[in-house]
Protein backbone atom coordinates (compact mmCIF):
# COMPACT_ATOMS: atom_id res chain seq x y z
CA MET A 1 5.36 3.25 -6.77
CA LYS A 2 4.68 5.22 -9.89
CA LYS A 3 4.06 8.92 -10.11
CA THR A 4 0.40 9.85 -9.59
CA GLU A 5 -1.15 11.16 -12.79
CA PRO A 6 -3.83 13.88 -12.76
CA ARG A 7 -6.73 11.62 -13.88
CA GLU A 8 -5.85 8.70 -11.67
CA TRP A 9 -8.45 9.55 -9.01
CA GLN A 10 -11.21 9.88 -11.62
CA ASP A 11 -10.28 6.56 -13.23
CA PHE A 12 -10.14 4.83 -9.85
CA ALA A 13 -13.49 6.33 -8.77
CA GLN A 14 -15.11 5.28 -12.07
CA LYS A 15 -13.86 1.71 -11.71
CA ALA A 16 -14.96 1.58 -8.05
CA MET A 17 -18.41 2.85 -9.04
CA GLU A 18 -18.70 0.12 -11.68
CA LEU A 19 -17.53 -2.57 -9.23
CA ALA A 20 -20.04 -1.34 -6.63
CA GLY A 21 -22.75 -1.62 -9.30
CA LEU A 22 -23.76 2.03 -8.92
CA SER A 23 -24.90 4.47 -11.55
CA GLN A 24 -24.04 8.16 -11.22
CA VAL A 25 -27.65 8.82 -10.14
CA GLU A 26 -27.51 6.11 -7.46
CA LEU A 27 -24.15 7.35 -6.19
CA GLY A 28 -25.52 10.90 -6.06
CA LYS A 29 -28.51 9.74 -3.98
CA ILE A 30 -26.31 7.81 -1.54
CA LEU A 31 -23.91 10.75 -1.16
CA SER A 32 -26.81 13.21 -0.72
CA LYS A 33 -28.22 11.05 2.08
CA LYS A 34 -24.82 10.62 3.78
CA LEU A 35 -23.83 14.27 3.53
CA GLY A 36 -27.21 15.90 4.10
CA TYR A 37 -27.10 18.03 0.96
CA GLN A 38 -27.88 17.46 -2.69
CA ILE A 39 -25.23 15.83 -4.90
CA SER A 40 -26.56 15.66 -8.43
CA GLN A 41 -25.80 13.17 -11.17
CA GLY A 42 -24.23 16.09 -13.04
CA SER A 43 -21.88 16.75 -10.14
CA ILE A 44 -20.86 13.09 -10.04
CA HIS A 45 -20.40 13.11 -13.82
CA SER A 46 -18.24 16.25 -13.81
CA ARG A 47 -16.03 14.90 -11.01
CA ILE A 48 -15.45 11.52 -12.63
CA LYS A 49 -15.78 12.17 -16.35
CA GLY A 50 -15.22 15.89 -16.67
CA VAL A 51 -12.11 17.22 -18.36
CA HIS A 52 -11.32 19.26 -15.28
CA GLY A 53 -12.98 16.89 -12.81
CA LYS A 54 -11.50 17.00 -9.34
CA ALA A 55 -11.75 14.80 -6.29
CA PRO A 56 -13.75 16.25 -3.41
CA LYS A 57 -11.46 18.24 -1.11
CA ALA A 58 -13.53 18.04 2.08
CA ASP A 59 -12.53 15.08 4.23
CA ASP A 60 -16.12 14.18 5.14
CA GLU A 61 -17.15 14.19 1.47
CA LEU A 62 -14.19 12.01 0.48
CA LYS A 63 -15.00 9.52 3.23
CA ALA A 64 -18.67 9.54 2.16
CA TRP A 65 -17.56 8.68 -1.39
CA ALA A 66 -15.36 5.85 -0.09
CA ASP A 67 -18.25 4.53 2.02
CA ALA A 68 -20.75 4.80 -0.84
CA LEU A 69 -18.34 2.97 -3.14
CA LYS A 70 -17.90 0.27 -0.46
CA LEU A 71 -14.15 0.74 -0.39
CA ASP A 72 -12.16 -0.68 2.49
CA GLY A 73 -8.61 -1.56 3.38
CA GLN A 74 -6.07 -1.01 0.63
CA HIS A 75 -8.65 0.23 -1.87
CA ARG A 76 -10.00 2.86 0.51
CA GLU A 77 -6.48 3.99 1.38
CA ARG A 78 -5.58 4.28 -2.31
CA PHE A 79 -8.79 6.18 -3.11
CA LEU A 80 -8.14 8.73 -0.34
CA ARG A 81 -4.44 8.99 -1.25
CA LEU A 82 -5.19 9.63 -4.91
CA ALA A 83 -7.63 12.39 -3.96
CA LEU A 84 -5.03 14.00 -1.72
CA MET A 85 -2.30 13.70 -4.33
CA GLU A 86 -4.54 15.28 -6.95
CA SER A 87 -4.47 18.59 -5.08
CA THR A 88 -0.75 18.32 -4.27
CA PRO A 89 1.56 20.54 -6.36
CA PRO A 90 3.43 18.64 -9.10
CA GLY A 91 6.87 19.30 -7.57
CA ILE A 92 5.82 17.76 -4.27
CA ARG A 93 4.17 14.81 -6.06
CA ALA A 94 7.42 14.19 -7.93
CA ARG A 95 9.45 14.37 -4.71
CA LEU A 96 7.06 11.96 -2.97
CA ALA A 97 7.33 9.55 -5.90
CA THR A 98 11.14 9.66 -5.57
CA ILE A 99 10.92 9.02 -1.83
CA GLU A 100 8.57 6.08 -2.42
CA VAL A 101 10.98 4.55 -4.95
CA ASP A 102 13.85 4.98 -2.46
CA LEU A 103 11.76 3.41 0.29
CA GLU A 104 10.89 0.40 -1.86
CA ARG A 105 14.56 -0.04 -2.77
CA LEU A 106 15.55 0.10 0.92
CA GLN A 107 12.85 -2.41 1.82
CA ARG A 108 14.17 -4.83 -0.84
CA HIS A 109 17.70 -4.30 0.49
CA LEU A 110 16.58 -5.00 4.07
CA LYS A 111 14.78 -8.14 2.94
CA ALA A 112 17.94 -9.37 1.18
CA GLU A 113 20.05 -8.57 4.26
CA LYS A 114 17.56 -10.43 6.48
CA LYS A 115 17.83 -13.45 4.19
CA ARG A 116 21.64 -13.31 4.37
CA SER A 117 21.46 -12.95 8.16
CA ASP A 118 19.16 -15.98 8.39
CA GLU A 119 21.54 -17.98 6.19
CA LEU A 120 24.52 -16.99 8.35
CA SER A 121 22.60 -17.93 11.51
CA ALA A 122 21.84 -21.34 10.04
CA LEU A 123 25.52 -21.77 9.12
CA VAL A 124 26.64 -20.77 12.65
CA ASP A 125 24.17 -23.29 14.14
CA CYS A 126 25.52 -26.00 11.85
CA LEU A 127 29.11 -25.16 12.83
CA ARG A 128 28.19 -25.24 16.53
CA ARG A 129 26.67 -28.69 16.14
CA GLU A 130 29.77 -29.90 14.28
CA LEU A 131 32.01 -28.38 16.96
CA ALA A 132 30.00 -30.04 19.73
CA LYS A 133 30.14 -33.37 17.87
CA ASN A 134 33.90 -33.04 17.26
CA THR A 135 34.48 -31.98 20.88
CA ALA A 136 32.58 -35.04 22.12
CA GLU A 137 34.52 -37.31 19.77
CA ALA A 138 37.82 -35.75 20.86
CA ALA A 139 36.93 -36.18 24.54
CA SER A 140 36.01 -39.80 23.89
CA LEU A 141 39.28 -40.36 22.05
CA VAL A 142 41.29 -38.74 24.86
CA GLN A 143 39.53 -40.96 27.39
CA ARG A 144 40.33 -44.09 25.40
CA LEU A 145 43.96 -43.04 25.04
CA GLN A 146 44.25 -42.42 28.75
CA SER A 147 42.80 -45.82 29.65
């Protein structure tokens, strides 16, 4: 996973708003209704388009945004993660990015090891069948020789 850039939340929120078919005014109205206080079009604009726009920090407001934007599953998780990462100090973001890269590398390694393990299991099964077949043939041959 790549390092989270400062505007990533804003870009994601803008795209989600477009996909949900919402204008800034409409999003503001939905959020106002969900949260019980006024969220203006200007507030939406400054969060998404503003030079210093920031994701909402309050958990209930973030979840209201995700609901209003009709985000679920992976998209909702990414939206919330980007908002959290936005307020995370750069050094910690960099460390998390390194950990995520290491985790992905380990997951690939485990997948490769699982494949090798499956191949070895198949080979062992094949060898067992051959051994059983050869043992049966040898027993048959011994019986014929003894008769």
